[in-house]
Protein backbone atom coordinates (compact mmCIF):
# COMPACT_ATOMS: atom_id res chain seq x y z
CA UNK A 1 -3.29 -26.32 -66.54
CA UNK A 2 -6.71 -24.75 -67.06
CA UNK A 3 -8.23 -21.86 -65.21
CA UNK A 4 -10.74 -24.21 -63.56
CA UNK A 5 -8.00 -26.45 -62.11
CA UNK A 6 -6.16 -23.40 -60.72
CA UNK A 7 -9.31 -22.15 -58.98
CA UNK A 8 -9.96 -25.64 -57.52
CA UNK A 9 -6.39 -25.75 -56.20
CA UNK A 10 -6.79 -22.36 -54.51
CA UNK A 11 -10.04 -23.51 -52.87
CA UNK A 12 -8.38 -26.68 -51.54
CA UNK A 13 -5.46 -24.67 -50.19
CA UNK A 14 -7.84 -22.23 -48.47
CA UNK A 15 -9.85 -25.11 -46.96
CA UNK A 16 -6.71 -26.85 -45.72
CA UNK A 17 -5.52 -23.64 -44.03
CA UNK A 18 -8.95 -23.06 -42.52
CA UNK A 19 -8.99 -26.64 -41.25
CA UNK A 20 -5.55 -26.27 -39.72
CA UNK A 21 -6.63 -23.07 -37.96
CA UNK A 22 -9.72 -24.78 -36.53
CA UNK A 23 -7.59 -27.66 -35.27
CA UNK A 24 -4.94 -25.42 -33.69
CA UNK A 25 -7.36 -22.90 -32.20
CA UNK A 26 -8.72 -24.98 -29.28
CA UNK A 27 -5.17 -25.53 -27.95
CA UNK A 28 -4.71 -21.80 -27.19
CA UNK A 29 -7.50 -21.50 -24.61
CA UNK A 30 -6.40 -24.80 -23.07
CA UNK A 31 -2.90 -23.42 -22.53
CA UNK A 32 -4.31 -20.23 -20.98
CA UNK A 33 -6.67 -22.27 -18.78
CA UNK A 34 -3.73 -24.26 -17.46
CA UNK A 35 -1.96 -21.06 -16.42
CA UNK A 36 -5.12 -19.83 -14.67
CA UNK A 37 -5.46 -23.17 -12.89
CA UNK A 38 -1.98 -22.89 -11.38
CA UNK A 39 -2.73 -19.35 -10.23
CA UNK A 40 -5.84 -20.53 -8.39
CA UNK A 41 -3.96 -23.49 -6.91
CA UNK A 42 -1.40 -21.14 -5.36
CA UNK A 43 -4.16 -18.76 -4.19
CA UNK A 44 -6.31 -21.55 -2.73
CA UNK A 45 -4.69 -21.68 0.76
CA UNK A 46 -5.04 -17.91 1.19
CA UNK A 47 -8.63 -17.92 -0.08
CA UNK A 48 -9.59 -20.81 2.21
CA UNK A 49 -7.98 -19.29 5.31
CA UNK A 50 -9.45 -15.86 4.57
CA UNK A 51 -12.87 -17.39 4.13
CA UNK A 52 -12.66 -19.46 7.33
CA UNK A 53 -11.21 -16.79 9.63
CA UNK A 54 -12.63 -13.57 8.14
CA UNK A 55 -15.65 -14.06 5.87
CA UNK A 56 -17.30 -16.84 7.87
CA UNK A 57 -17.02 -15.08 11.28
CA UNK A 58 -18.52 -11.91 9.80
CA UNK A 59 -21.48 -13.79 8.33
CA UNK A 60 -21.88 -15.87 11.50
CA UNK A 61 -21.95 -12.74 13.65
CA UNK A 62 -25.13 -11.59 11.90
CA UNK A 63 -26.80 -14.90 12.72
CA UNK A 64 -25.52 -15.02 16.31
CA UNK A 65 -26.85 -11.50 16.87
CA UNK A 66 -30.36 -12.89 16.30
CA UNK A 67 -30.10 -15.80 18.76
CA UNK A 68 -29.56 -16.31 22.48
CA UNK A 69 -26.49 -18.51 22.92
CA UNK A 70 -23.75 -18.85 25.51
CA UNK A 71 -21.22 -20.37 23.11
CA UNK A 72 -21.20 -23.81 24.76
CA UNK A 73 -24.66 -25.35 24.46
CA UNK A 74 -25.86 -26.77 21.17
CA UNK A 75 -29.24 -25.06 21.49
CA UNK A 76 -29.56 -21.61 19.97
CA UNK A 77 -32.84 -19.86 20.69
CA UNK A 78 -33.93 -17.40 18.02
CA UNK A 79 -34.85 -14.07 19.64
CA UNK A 80 -34.96 -11.75 16.62
CA UNK A 81 -33.93 -8.19 17.37
CA UNK A 82 -33.99 -8.59 21.16
CA UNK A 83 -30.19 -8.52 21.39
CA UNK A 84 -30.08 -5.24 19.49
CA UNK A 85 -32.69 -3.73 21.81
CA UNK A 86 -30.67 -4.92 24.81
CA UNK A 87 -27.49 -3.39 23.39
CA UNK A 88 -29.12 -0.02 22.74
CA UNK A 89 -30.71 -0.08 26.22
CA UNK A 90 -27.41 -0.86 27.95
CA UNK A 91 -25.82 2.32 29.38
CA UNK A 92 -22.39 0.64 29.37
CA UNK A 93 -22.61 0.24 25.59
CA UNK A 94 -23.16 3.97 25.18
CA UNK A 95 -20.37 4.56 27.68
CA UNK A 96 -18.01 2.47 25.53
CA UNK A 97 -19.23 4.33 22.46
CA UNK A 98 -18.47 7.64 24.19
CA UNK A 99 -15.04 6.42 25.33
CA UNK A 100 -14.20 5.30 21.78
CA UNK A 101 -15.13 8.68 20.31
CA UNK A 102 -13.32 10.56 23.08
CA UNK A 103 -10.20 8.46 22.50
CA UNK A 104 -10.43 9.28 18.80
CA UNK A 105 -10.70 13.00 19.54
CA UNK A 106 -7.61 12.82 21.75
CA UNK A 107 -5.53 10.80 19.32
CA UNK A 108 -6.33 12.01 15.80
CA UNK A 109 -5.43 15.74 16.05
CA UNK A 110 -2.23 15.01 18.00
CA UNK A 111 -1.18 12.21 15.70
CA UNK A 112 -1.86 14.12 12.49
CA UNK A 113 -0.41 17.50 13.48
CA UNK A 114 2.62 16.33 15.48
CA UNK A 115 3.67 13.88 12.79
CA UNK A 116 3.34 16.62 10.16
CA UNK A 117 5.66 18.84 12.20
CA UNK A 118 8.21 16.07 12.66
CA UNK A 119 7.99 15.05 8.99
CA UNK A 120 8.77 18.62 7.95
CA UNK A 121 11.85 18.57 10.19
CA UNK A 122 13.03 15.19 8.91
CA UNK A 123 12.36 16.20 5.31
CA UNK A 124 15.10 18.81 5.42
CA UNK A 125 18.06 17.70 3.25
CA UNK A 126 20.48 19.59 5.52
CA UNK A 127 19.59 17.60 8.65
CA UNK A 128 22.33 15.11 9.62
CA UNK A 129 21.57 11.43 10.32
CA UNK A 130 18.14 11.60 8.68
CA UNK A 131 18.00 7.82 8.14
CA UNK A 132 18.84 7.10 11.79
CA UNK A 133 16.21 9.52 13.06
CA UNK A 134 13.51 8.13 10.77
CA UNK A 135 14.31 4.59 11.88
CA UNK A 136 14.19 5.62 15.53
CA UNK A 137 10.65 6.95 15.15
CA UNK A 138 9.58 3.81 13.28
CA UNK A 139 10.92 1.25 15.79
CA UNK A 140 7.78 1.37 18.04
CA UNK A 141 5.63 0.58 15.00
CA UNK A 142 7.25 -2.82 14.44
CA UNK A 143 7.05 -3.69 18.16
CA UNK A 144 4.11 -5.87 19.17
CA UNK A 145 1.36 -3.70 20.62
CA UNK A 146 0.46 -6.16 23.40
CA UNK A 147 4.10 -6.27 24.55
CA UNK A 148 4.17 -2.47 24.71
CA UNK A 149 1.04 -2.51 26.85
CA UNK A 150 2.48 -5.05 29.30
CA UNK A 151 5.82 -3.25 29.57
CA UNK A 152 4.16 0.13 30.06
CA UNK A 153 2.11 -1.25 32.93
CA UNK A 154 5.35 -1.98 34.78
CA UNK A 155 6.90 1.36 33.81
CA UNK A 156 3.84 3.31 34.97
CA UNK A 157 3.27 1.25 38.11
CA UNK A 158 2.45 3.65 40.96
CA UNK A 159 4.41 1.65 43.56
CA UNK A 160 7.58 0.44 41.83
CA UNK A 161 7.57 1.92 38.34
CA UNK A 162 10.66 3.87 37.26
CA UNK A 163 8.64 6.99 36.39
CA UNK A 164 7.04 7.22 39.82
CA UNK A 165 10.36 6.38 41.47
CA UNK A 166 11.95 9.32 39.64
CA UNK A 167 9.05 11.59 40.69
CA UNK A 168 9.50 10.59 44.33
CA UNK A 169 13.24 11.31 44.19
CA UNK A 170 12.47 14.75 42.77
CA UNK A 171 10.19 15.43 45.72
CA UNK A 172 6.89 14.83 43.98
CA UNK A 173 4.17 12.36 44.78
CA UNK A 174 3.39 9.10 43.04
CA UNK A 175 0.92 9.29 40.16
CA UNK A 176 -1.35 6.38 39.27
CA UNK A 177 -1.43 6.99 35.53
CA UNK A 178 -3.52 3.92 34.69
CA UNK A 179 -5.59 3.73 37.88
CA UNK A 180 -6.85 7.30 37.98
CA UNK A 181 -10.13 7.66 36.10
CA UNK A 182 -9.11 11.10 34.84
CA UNK A 183 -5.60 10.10 33.69
CA UNK A 184 -6.08 6.58 32.33
CA UNK A 185 -7.57 7.50 28.95
CA UNK A 186 -5.16 10.40 28.22
CA UNK A 187 -2.24 8.16 29.20
CA UNK A 188 -3.43 5.45 26.81
CA UNK A 189 -3.86 8.09 24.10
CA UNK A 190 -0.28 9.32 24.55
CA UNK A 191 1.07 5.77 24.33
CA UNK A 192 -1.05 5.09 21.24
CA UNK A 193 0.27 8.21 19.50
CA UNK A 194 3.84 7.23 20.39
CA UNK A 195 3.30 3.65 19.15
CA UNK A 196 1.97 4.60 15.72
CA UNK A 197 3.78 7.92 15.34
CA UNK A 198 6.09 6.49 12.68
CA UNK A 199 3.28 5.30 10.40
CA UNK A 200 1.66 8.72 10.04
CA UNK A 201 5.07 10.37 9.79
CA UNK A 202 5.93 8.16 6.80
CA UNK A 203 2.64 9.22 5.18
CA UNK A 204 3.58 12.88 5.58
CA UNK A 205 7.14 12.32 4.37
CA UNK A 206 5.81 10.74 1.20
CA UNK A 207 3.40 13.65 0.75
CA UNK A 208 6.10 16.28 1.35
CA UNK A 209 8.36 14.72 -1.25
CA UNK A 210 5.72 15.34 -3.92
CA UNK A 211 6.20 19.11 -3.52
CA UNK A 212 8.84 20.39 -5.99
CA UNK A 213 11.82 21.84 -4.11
CA UNK A 214 12.09 24.56 -6.77
CA UNK A 215 8.93 26.18 -5.38
CA UNK A 216 10.62 26.74 -2.03
CA UNK A 217 13.77 28.08 -3.67
CA UNK A 218 11.80 30.53 -5.82
CA UNK A 219 9.82 31.71 -2.79
CA UNK A 220 12.99 32.23 -0.75
CA UNK A 221 14.47 34.32 -3.56
CA UNK A 222 11.34 36.48 -3.39
CA UNK A 223 11.93 36.98 0.33
CA UNK A 224 9.45 34.48 1.81
CA UNK A 225 10.20 33.29 5.34
CA UNK A 226 9.51 29.93 7.00
CA UNK A 227 5.93 30.79 7.98
CA UNK A 228 5.02 32.07 4.51
CA UNK A 229 6.57 28.98 2.91
CA UNK A 230 4.45 26.78 5.15
CA UNK A 231 1.28 28.82 4.68
CA UNK A 232 1.39 29.50 0.96
CA UNK A 233 3.21 26.42 -0.39
CA UNK A 234 3.21 23.50 2.04
CA UNK A 235 -0.38 23.70 3.29
CA UNK A 236 -2.05 24.16 -0.13
CA UNK A 237 -0.01 21.36 -1.65
CA UNK A 238 -0.78 19.01 1.27
CA UNK A 239 -4.55 19.54 1.41
CA UNK A 240 -5.40 16.41 -0.62
CA UNK A 241 -3.11 14.30 1.60
CA UNK A 242 -4.53 15.87 4.76
CA UNK A 243 -7.98 14.48 3.98
CA UNK A 244 -6.70 10.99 3.25
CA UNK A 245 -4.31 10.79 6.22
CA UNK A 246 -6.93 12.10 8.65
CA UNK A 247 -9.54 9.56 7.55
CA UNK A 248 -6.98 6.73 7.68
CA UNK A 249 -5.99 7.76 11.19
CA UNK A 250 -9.62 7.83 12.33
CA UNK A 251 -10.22 4.34 11.00
CA UNK A 252 -7.04 2.99 12.61
CA UNK A 253 -8.07 4.47 15.97
CA UNK A 254 -11.11 2.18 16.12
CA UNK A 255 -8.82 -0.88 16.23
CA UNK A 256 -7.11 -0.43 19.58
CA UNK A 257 -8.13 -3.51 21.54
CA UNK A 258 -4.68 -4.98 22.17
CA UNK A 259 -3.09 -1.85 23.62
CA UNK A 260 -6.09 -0.77 25.71
CA UNK A 261 -6.78 -4.25 27.06
CA UNK A 262 -3.21 -4.91 28.14
CA UNK A 263 -2.92 -1.43 29.68
CA UNK A 264 -6.15 -1.06 31.62
CA UNK A 265 -8.53 -3.88 30.69
CA UNK A 266 -11.24 -1.22 30.35
CA UNK A 267 -10.82 0.19 33.86
CA UNK A 268 -10.88 1.96 36.11
CA UNK A 269 -14.67 1.73 36.43
CA UNK A 270 -15.18 1.40 32.63
CA UNK A 271 -13.48 4.74 31.96
CA UNK A 272 -11.28 3.20 29.25
CA UNK A 273 -13.68 0.51 28.02
CA UNK A 274 -13.81 1.02 24.26
CA UNK A 275 -16.37 -0.83 22.14
CA UNK A 276 -13.96 -3.67 21.34
CA UNK A 277 -13.42 -4.40 25.05
CA UNK A 278 -17.19 -4.20 25.62
CA UNK A 279 -17.72 -6.86 22.96
CA UNK A 280 -14.91 -9.01 24.38
CA UNK A 281 -16.31 -8.75 27.93
CA UNK A 282 -19.76 -9.96 26.93
CA UNK A 283 -18.42 -12.76 24.73
CA UNK A 284 -15.59 -14.21 26.83
CA UNK A 285 -15.16 -12.78 30.33
CA UNK A 286 -18.76 -12.60 31.57
CA UNK A 287 -19.84 -15.17 34.17
CA UNK A 288 -22.34 -16.45 31.59
CA UNK A 289 -21.07 -15.57 28.09
CA UNK A 290 -23.66 -13.96 25.86
CA UNK A 291 -22.55 -14.47 22.26
CA UNK A 292 -25.79 -13.02 20.91
CA UNK A 293 -25.43 -9.76 22.85
CA UNK A 294 -21.75 -9.49 21.92
CA UNK A 295 -22.48 -10.21 18.25
CA UNK A 296 -25.19 -7.54 18.15
CA UNK A 297 -22.73 -5.00 19.57
CA UNK A 298 -20.13 -6.17 17.05
CA UNK A 299 -22.56 -5.68 14.16
CA UNK A 300 -23.31 -2.14 15.33
CA UNK A 301 -19.59 -1.46 15.66
CA UNK A 302 -19.01 -2.93 12.20
CA UNK A 303 -21.60 -0.57 10.73
CA UNK A 304 -19.80 2.34 12.38
CA UNK A 305 -16.50 1.25 10.84
CA UNK A 306 -18.24 0.81 7.47
CA UNK A 307 -19.45 4.42 7.65
CA UNK A 308 -15.89 5.55 8.34
CA UNK A 309 -14.74 3.42 5.39
CA UNK A 310 -17.25 5.16 3.15
CA UNK A 311 -15.95 8.52 4.35
CA UNK A 312 -12.44 7.25 3.58
CA UNK A 313 -13.43 6.49 0.00
CA UNK A 314 -14.91 9.96 -0.27
CA UNK A 315 -11.67 11.37 1.13
CA UNK A 316 -9.62 9.55 -1.49
CA UNK A 317 -11.90 10.84 -4.24
CA UNK A 318 -11.82 14.40 -2.86
CA UNK A 319 -8.04 14.26 -2.53
CA UNK A 320 -7.58 13.18 -6.13
CA UNK A 321 -9.93 15.90 -7.29
CA UNK A 322 -8.00 18.54 -5.36
CA UNK A 323 -4.71 17.31 -6.78
CA UNK A 324 -6.20 17.46 -10.26
CA UNK A 325 -7.32 21.05 -9.69
CA UNK A 326 -3.85 22.03 -8.45
CA UNK A 327 -2.26 20.62 -11.58
């Protein structure tokens, strides 16, 4: 066999291998494409439902806010920014805006600070029945909010509610917790804190468990008491979580329609009418529904929530930066 024949054989072998690789190569993407197809098939129902019941209503609200429409007639008259001008000129809109912010100011500090205190108590390894106590605080969270509102209306009833019956037996007078314009909003705030107490407490428990227990033991050996442990160890280590939990609580407070509507319906005299009830009243319970006015108010409310969401992202970033500095 000559050198020329050997070189020709090597070239043929190389070409045959190259040809085989070009033939086999297209099958690999096809196999991967089939896997991707099945993933999208399983995701399709969720994507369709999310698009129909979340994305489409959001986009439609922007259009409805620019038209005058009662929700029943086929005709939709384009009015431009008139609905927005009507919303900003409506004193009841600003009243609902004020009530929403006031409710947030009542709820957020109590929910954040009280849950931190309870989480510190339940985080103690020496406390008996820790699992039972944690479950007890979390039971209201898994209860339907609307059901809690309906039940609490009967419990707080000024005529036949058990709380007022007990007050009368003790010699006190009946208290209309939900009918008094000065007590309705604080009462709703207390019930809201109780309902979602377990969620924030779980946040704090998770944050507390990131603190090494050896730090507390070393500080106790050096003679540090409970207050110094809290001030010099717990608080500095929880600062990143404090930002995140506070912003999350603020955002959750804006979504309180079900509890407030079943408790008071926005009364008495609009003293508990948050923005969500204002939107609902114009869209569904008015004598002549005004979908355009309600949609304009919803867009403004959505922008407010978007601002809070942006602050939340900043809080997450700031929290991670603080944790990085502590490390």
